[in-house]
Amino acid sequence: MLTVTEHRFDKNIESNYYIQWSGLNAKVNQRLTKRFTTISRGVCTIHSKII
């Protein structure tokens, strides 16, 4: 599992979040993370661990 504190939301790709961890970037489908996230001013904060 990985814990993501926050990452920037790319408005050009509304269906994906870009998550940065361990120096890497990964795409996560918005529908999989929606319930774990809150979006404010284009910044997405994930409060839960993602398996």
PDB file of N, CA and C in Angstrom:
ATOM      1  N   MET A   1       0.841  -1.196   0.000  1.00  0.00           N
ATOM      2  CA  MET A   1       0.000   0.000   0.000  1.00  0.00           C
ATOM      3  C   MET A   1       0.876   1.247   0.000  1.00  0.00           C
ATOM      4  N   LEU A   2       0.329   2.315  -0.525  1.00  0.00           N
ATOM      5  CA  LEU A   2       1.051   3.568  -0.482  1.00  0.00           C
ATOM      6  C   LEU A   2       0.123   4.656   0.043  1.00  0.00           C
ATOM      7  N   THR A   3       0.705   5.610   0.718  1.00  0.00           N
ATOM      8  CA  THR A   3      -0.078   6.725   1.223  1.00  0.00           C
ATOM      9  C   THR A   3       0.323   7.982   0.470  1.00  0.00           C
ATOM     10  N   VAL A   4      -0.655   8.670  -0.074  1.00  0.00           N
ATOM     11  CA  VAL A   4      -0.404   9.893  -0.807  1.00  0.00           C
ATOM     12  C   VAL A   4      -1.024  11.046  -0.042  1.00  0.00           C
ATOM     13  N   THR A   5      -0.227  12.056   0.252  1.00  0.00           N
ATOM     14  CA  THR A   5      -0.758  13.174   1.015  1.00  0.00           C
ATOM     15  C   THR A   5      -1.453  14.174   0.109  1.00  0.00           C
ATOM     16  N   GLU A   6      -0.780  14.566  -0.966  1.00  0.00           N
ATOM     17  CA  GLU A   6      -1.438  15.456  -1.910  1.00  0.00           C
ATOM     18  C   GLU A   6      -0.676  15.477  -3.225  1.00  0.00           C
ATOM     19  N   HIS A   7      -1.373  15.873  -4.271  1.00  0.00           N
ATOM     20  CA  HIS A   7      -0.748  16.013  -5.566  1.00  0.00           C
ATOM     21  C   HIS A   7      -1.580  16.976  -6.383  1.00  0.00           C
ATOM     22  N   ARG A   8      -1.001  17.468  -7.441  1.00  0.00           N
ATOM     23  CA  ARG A   8      -1.712  18.430  -8.267  1.00  0.00           C
ATOM     24  C   ARG A   8      -2.617  17.723  -9.263  1.00  0.00           C
ATOM     25  N   PHE A   9      -3.785  18.293  -9.441  1.00  0.00           N
ATOM     26  CA  PHE A   9      -4.763  17.732 -10.372  1.00  0.00           C
ATOM     27  C   PHE A   9      -4.595  18.389 -11.735  1.00  0.00           C
ATOM     28  N   ASP A  10      -4.391  17.574 -12.740  1.00  0.00           N
ATOM     29  CA  ASP A  10      -4.208  18.081 -14.092  1.00  0.00           C
ATOM     30  C   ASP A  10      -5.565  18.284 -14.748  1.00  0.00           C
ATOM     31  N   LYS A  11      -5.975  19.523 -14.878  1.00  0.00           N
ATOM     32  CA  LYS A  11      -7.293  19.830 -15.428  1.00  0.00           C
ATOM     33  C   LYS A  11      -7.430  19.388 -16.885  1.00  0.00           C
ATOM     34  N   ASN A  12      -6.304  19.186 -17.543  1.00  0.00           N
ATOM     35  CA  ASN A  12      -6.351  18.749 -18.937  1.00  0.00           C
ATOM     36  C   ASN A  12      -6.708  17.277 -19.060  1.00  0.00           C
ATOM     37  N   ILE A  13      -6.548  16.540 -17.985  1.00  0.00           N
ATOM     38  CA  ILE A  13      -6.896  15.117 -17.991  1.00  0.00           C
ATOM     39  C   ILE A  13      -7.833  14.869 -16.821  1.00  0.00           C
ATOM     40  N   GLU A  14      -9.089  15.192 -17.022  1.00  0.00           N
ATOM     41  CA  GLU A  14     -10.050  15.184 -15.930  1.00  0.00           C
ATOM     42  C   GLU A  14     -10.306  13.794 -15.363  1.00  0.00           C
ATOM     43  N   SER A  15     -10.057  12.763 -16.143  1.00  0.00           N
ATOM     44  CA  SER A  15     -10.396  11.417 -15.704  1.00  0.00           C
ATOM     45  C   SER A  15      -9.291  10.764 -14.879  1.00  0.00           C
ATOM     46  N   ASN A  16      -8.145  11.430 -14.800  1.00  0.00           N
ATOM     47  CA  ASN A  16      -7.032  10.829 -14.080  1.00  0.00           C
ATOM     48  C   ASN A  16      -6.437  11.781 -13.054  1.00  0.00           C
ATOM     49  N   TYR A  17      -5.922  11.197 -12.000  1.00  0.00           N
ATOM     50  CA  TYR A  17      -5.114  11.944 -11.050  1.00  0.00           C
ATOM     51  C   TYR A  17      -3.667  11.546 -11.269  1.00  0.00           C
ATOM     52  N   TYR A  18      -2.781  12.477 -11.061  1.00  0.00           N
ATOM     53  CA  TYR A  18      -1.371  12.132 -11.107  1.00  0.00           C
ATOM     54  C   TYR A  18      -0.855  12.072  -9.682  1.00  0.00           C
ATOM     55  N   ILE A  19      -0.432  10.900  -9.297  1.00  0.00           N
ATOM     56  CA  ILE A  19       0.023  10.699  -7.930  1.00  0.00           C
ATOM     57  C   ILE A  19       1.535  10.551  -7.934  1.00  0.00           C
ATOM     58  N   GLN A  20       2.162  11.283  -7.068  1.00  0.00           N
ATOM     59  CA  GLN A  20       3.604  11.216  -6.975  1.00  0.00           C
ATOM     60  C   GLN A  20       3.993  10.537  -5.671  1.00  0.00           C
ATOM     61  N   TRP A  21       4.781   9.488  -5.780  1.00  0.00           N
ATOM     62  CA  TRP A  21       5.302   8.861  -4.581  1.00  0.00           C
ATOM     63  C   TRP A  21       6.623   8.202  -4.910  1.00  0.00           C
ATOM     64  N   SER A  22       7.516   8.196  -3.988  1.00  0.00           N
ATOM     65  CA  SER A  22       8.838   7.605  -4.180  1.00  0.00           C
ATOM     66  C   SER A  22       9.509   8.132  -5.441  1.00  0.00           C
ATOM     67  N   GLY A  23       9.239   9.388  -5.757  1.00  0.00           N
ATOM     68  CA  GLY A  23       9.853   9.999  -6.922  1.00  0.00           C
ATOM     69  C   GLY A  23       9.256   9.554  -8.239  1.00  0.00           C
ATOM     70  N   LEU A  24       8.146   8.815  -8.191  1.00  0.00           N
ATOM     71  CA  LEU A  24       7.520   8.315  -9.407  1.00  0.00           C
ATOM     72  C   LEU A  24       6.140   8.922  -9.582  1.00  0.00           C
ATOM     73  N   ASN A  25       5.669   8.935 -10.820  1.00  0.00           N
ATOM     74  CA  ASN A  25       4.315   9.403 -11.108  1.00  0.00           C
ATOM     75  C   ASN A  25       3.482   8.247 -11.612  1.00  0.00           C
ATOM     76  N   ALA A  26       2.246   8.200 -11.191  1.00  0.00           N
ATOM     77  CA  ALA A  26       1.363   7.131 -11.646  1.00  0.00           C
ATOM     78  C   ALA A  26      -0.032   7.681 -11.878  1.00  0.00           C
ATOM     79  N   LYS A  27      -0.696   7.140 -12.890  1.00  0.00           N
ATOM     80  CA  LYS A  27      -2.072   7.541 -13.155  1.00  0.00           C
ATOM     81  C   LYS A  27      -3.017   6.663 -12.348  1.00  0.00           C
ATOM     82  N   VAL A  28      -3.974   7.279 -11.714  1.00  0.00           N
ATOM     83  CA  VAL A  28      -4.996   6.532 -10.990  1.00  0.00           C
ATOM     84  C   VAL A  28      -6.353   6.999 -11.486  1.00  0.00           C
ATOM     85  N   ASN A  29      -7.186   6.054 -11.838  1.00  0.00           N
ATOM     86  CA  ASN A  29      -8.497   6.413 -12.354  1.00  0.00           C
ATOM     87  C   ASN A  29      -9.310   7.145 -11.295  1.00  0.00           C
ATOM     88  N   GLN A  30      -9.918   8.233 -11.681  1.00  0.00           N
ATOM     89  CA  GLN A  30     -10.658   9.076 -10.747  1.00  0.00           C
ATOM     90  C   GLN A  30     -11.755   8.307 -10.024  1.00  0.00           C
ATOM     91  N   ARG A  31     -12.383   7.380 -10.738  1.00  0.00           N
ATOM     92  CA  ARG A  31     -13.489   6.634 -10.148  1.00  0.00           C
ATOM     93  C   ARG A  31     -13.015   5.715  -9.029  1.00  0.00           C
ATOM     94  N   LEU A  32     -11.754   5.311  -9.077  1.00  0.00           N
ATOM     95  CA  LEU A  32     -11.219   4.442  -8.040  1.00  0.00           C
ATOM     96  C   LEU A  32     -10.843   5.225  -6.788  1.00  0.00           C
ATOM     97  N   THR A  33     -10.542   6.510  -6.957  1.00  0.00           N
ATOM     98  CA  THR A  33     -10.043   7.295  -5.833  1.00  0.00           C
ATOM     99  C   THR A  33     -11.019   8.361  -5.360  1.00  0.00           C
ATOM    100  N   LYS A  34     -12.136   8.488  -6.062  1.00  0.00           N
ATOM    101  CA  LYS A  34     -13.064   9.584  -5.800  1.00  0.00           C
ATOM    102  C   LYS A  34     -13.487   9.658  -4.336  1.00  0.00           C
ATOM    103  N   ARG A  35     -13.814   8.511  -3.755  1.00  0.00           N
ATOM    104  CA  ARG A  35     -14.307   8.516  -2.388  1.00  0.00           C
ATOM    105  C   ARG A  35     -13.213   8.822  -1.373  1.00  0.00           C
ATOM    106  N   PHE A  36     -11.950   8.766  -1.818  1.00  0.00           N
ATOM    107  CA  PHE A  36     -10.842   9.033  -0.914  1.00  0.00           C
ATOM    108  C   PHE A  36     -10.308  10.447  -1.069  1.00  0.00           C
ATOM    109  N   THR A  37     -10.901  11.220  -1.984  1.00  0.00           N
ATOM    110  CA  THR A  37     -10.287  12.485  -2.334  1.00  0.00           C
ATOM    111  C   THR A  37     -11.191  13.684  -2.115  1.00  0.00           C
ATOM    112  N   THR A  38     -10.551  14.806  -1.961  1.00  0.00           N
ATOM    113  CA  THR A  38     -11.254  16.083  -2.003  1.00  0.00           C
ATOM    114  C   THR A  38     -10.459  16.997  -2.920  1.00  0.00           C
ATOM    115  N   ILE A  39     -11.169  17.780  -3.708  1.00  0.00           N
ATOM    116  CA  ILE A  39     -10.487  18.656  -4.649  1.00  0.00           C
ATOM    117  C   ILE A  39     -10.751  20.111  -4.271  1.00  0.00           C
ATOM    118  N   SER A  40      -9.681  20.884  -4.184  1.00  0.00           N
ATOM    119  CA  SER A  40      -9.814  22.292  -3.857  1.00  0.00           C
ATOM    120  C   SER A  40      -8.764  23.079  -4.630  1.00  0.00           C
ATOM    121  N   ARG A  41      -9.217  24.056  -5.402  1.00  0.00           N
ATOM    122  CA  ARG A  41      -8.320  24.915  -6.166  1.00  0.00           C
ATOM    123  C   ARG A  41      -7.364  24.132  -7.055  1.00  0.00           C
ATOM    124  N   GLY A  42      -7.840  23.037  -7.627  1.00  0.00           N
ATOM    125  CA  GLY A  42      -7.005  22.258  -8.522  1.00  0.00           C
ATOM    126  C   GLY A  42      -5.994  21.385  -7.808  1.00  0.00           C
ATOM    127  N   VAL A  43      -6.084  21.320  -6.485  1.00  0.00           N
ATOM    128  CA  VAL A  43      -5.190  20.452  -5.725  1.00  0.00           C
ATOM    129  C   VAL A  43      -6.005  19.308  -5.150  1.00  0.00           C
ATOM    130  N   CYS A  44      -5.546  18.109  -5.365  1.00  0.00           N
ATOM    131  CA  CYS A  44      -6.264  16.940  -4.892  1.00  0.00           C
ATOM    132  C   CYS A  44      -5.540  16.346  -3.698  1.00  0.00           C
ATOM    133  N   THR A  45      -6.266  16.125  -2.623  1.00  0.00           N
ATOM    134  CA  THR A  45      -5.675  15.536  -1.434  1.00  0.00           C
ATOM    135  C   THR A  45      -6.302  14.176  -1.193  1.00  0.00           C
ATOM    136  N   ILE A  46      -5.472  13.160  -1.119  1.00  0.00           N
ATOM    137  CA  ILE A  46      -5.970  11.815  -0.872  1.00  0.00           C
ATOM    138  C   ILE A  46      -5.750  11.473   0.590  1.00  0.00           C
ATOM    139  N   HIS A  47      -6.833  11.103   1.264  1.00  0.00           N
ATOM    140  CA  HIS A  47      -6.786  10.884   2.701  1.00  0.00           C
ATOM    141  C   HIS A  47      -6.606   9.420   3.078  1.00  0.00           C
ATOM    142  N   SER A  48      -6.728   8.550   2.095  1.00  0.00           N
ATOM    143  CA  SER A  48      -6.718   7.130   2.395  1.00  0.00           C
ATOM    144  C   SER A  48      -5.590   6.418   1.672  1.00  0.00           C
ATOM    145  N   LYS A  49      -5.221   5.260   2.171  1.00  0.00           N
ATOM    146  CA  LYS A  49      -4.195   4.457   1.524  1.00  0.00           C
ATOM    147  C   LYS A  49      -4.774   3.785   0.286  1.00  0.00           C
ATOM    148  N   ILE A  50      -3.936   3.642  -0.729  1.00  0.00           N
ATOM    149  CA  ILE A  50      -4.351   2.981  -1.959  1.00  0.00           C
ATOM    150  C   ILE A  50      -3.555   1.699  -2.096  1.00  0.00           C
ATOM    151  N   ILE A  51      -4.256   0.605  -2.315  1.00  0.00           N
ATOM    152  CA  ILE A  51      -3.571  -0.674  -2.483  1.00  0.00           C
ATOM    153  C   ILE A  51      -3.109  -0.805  -3.933  1.00  0.00           C
TER     154      ILE A  51
END
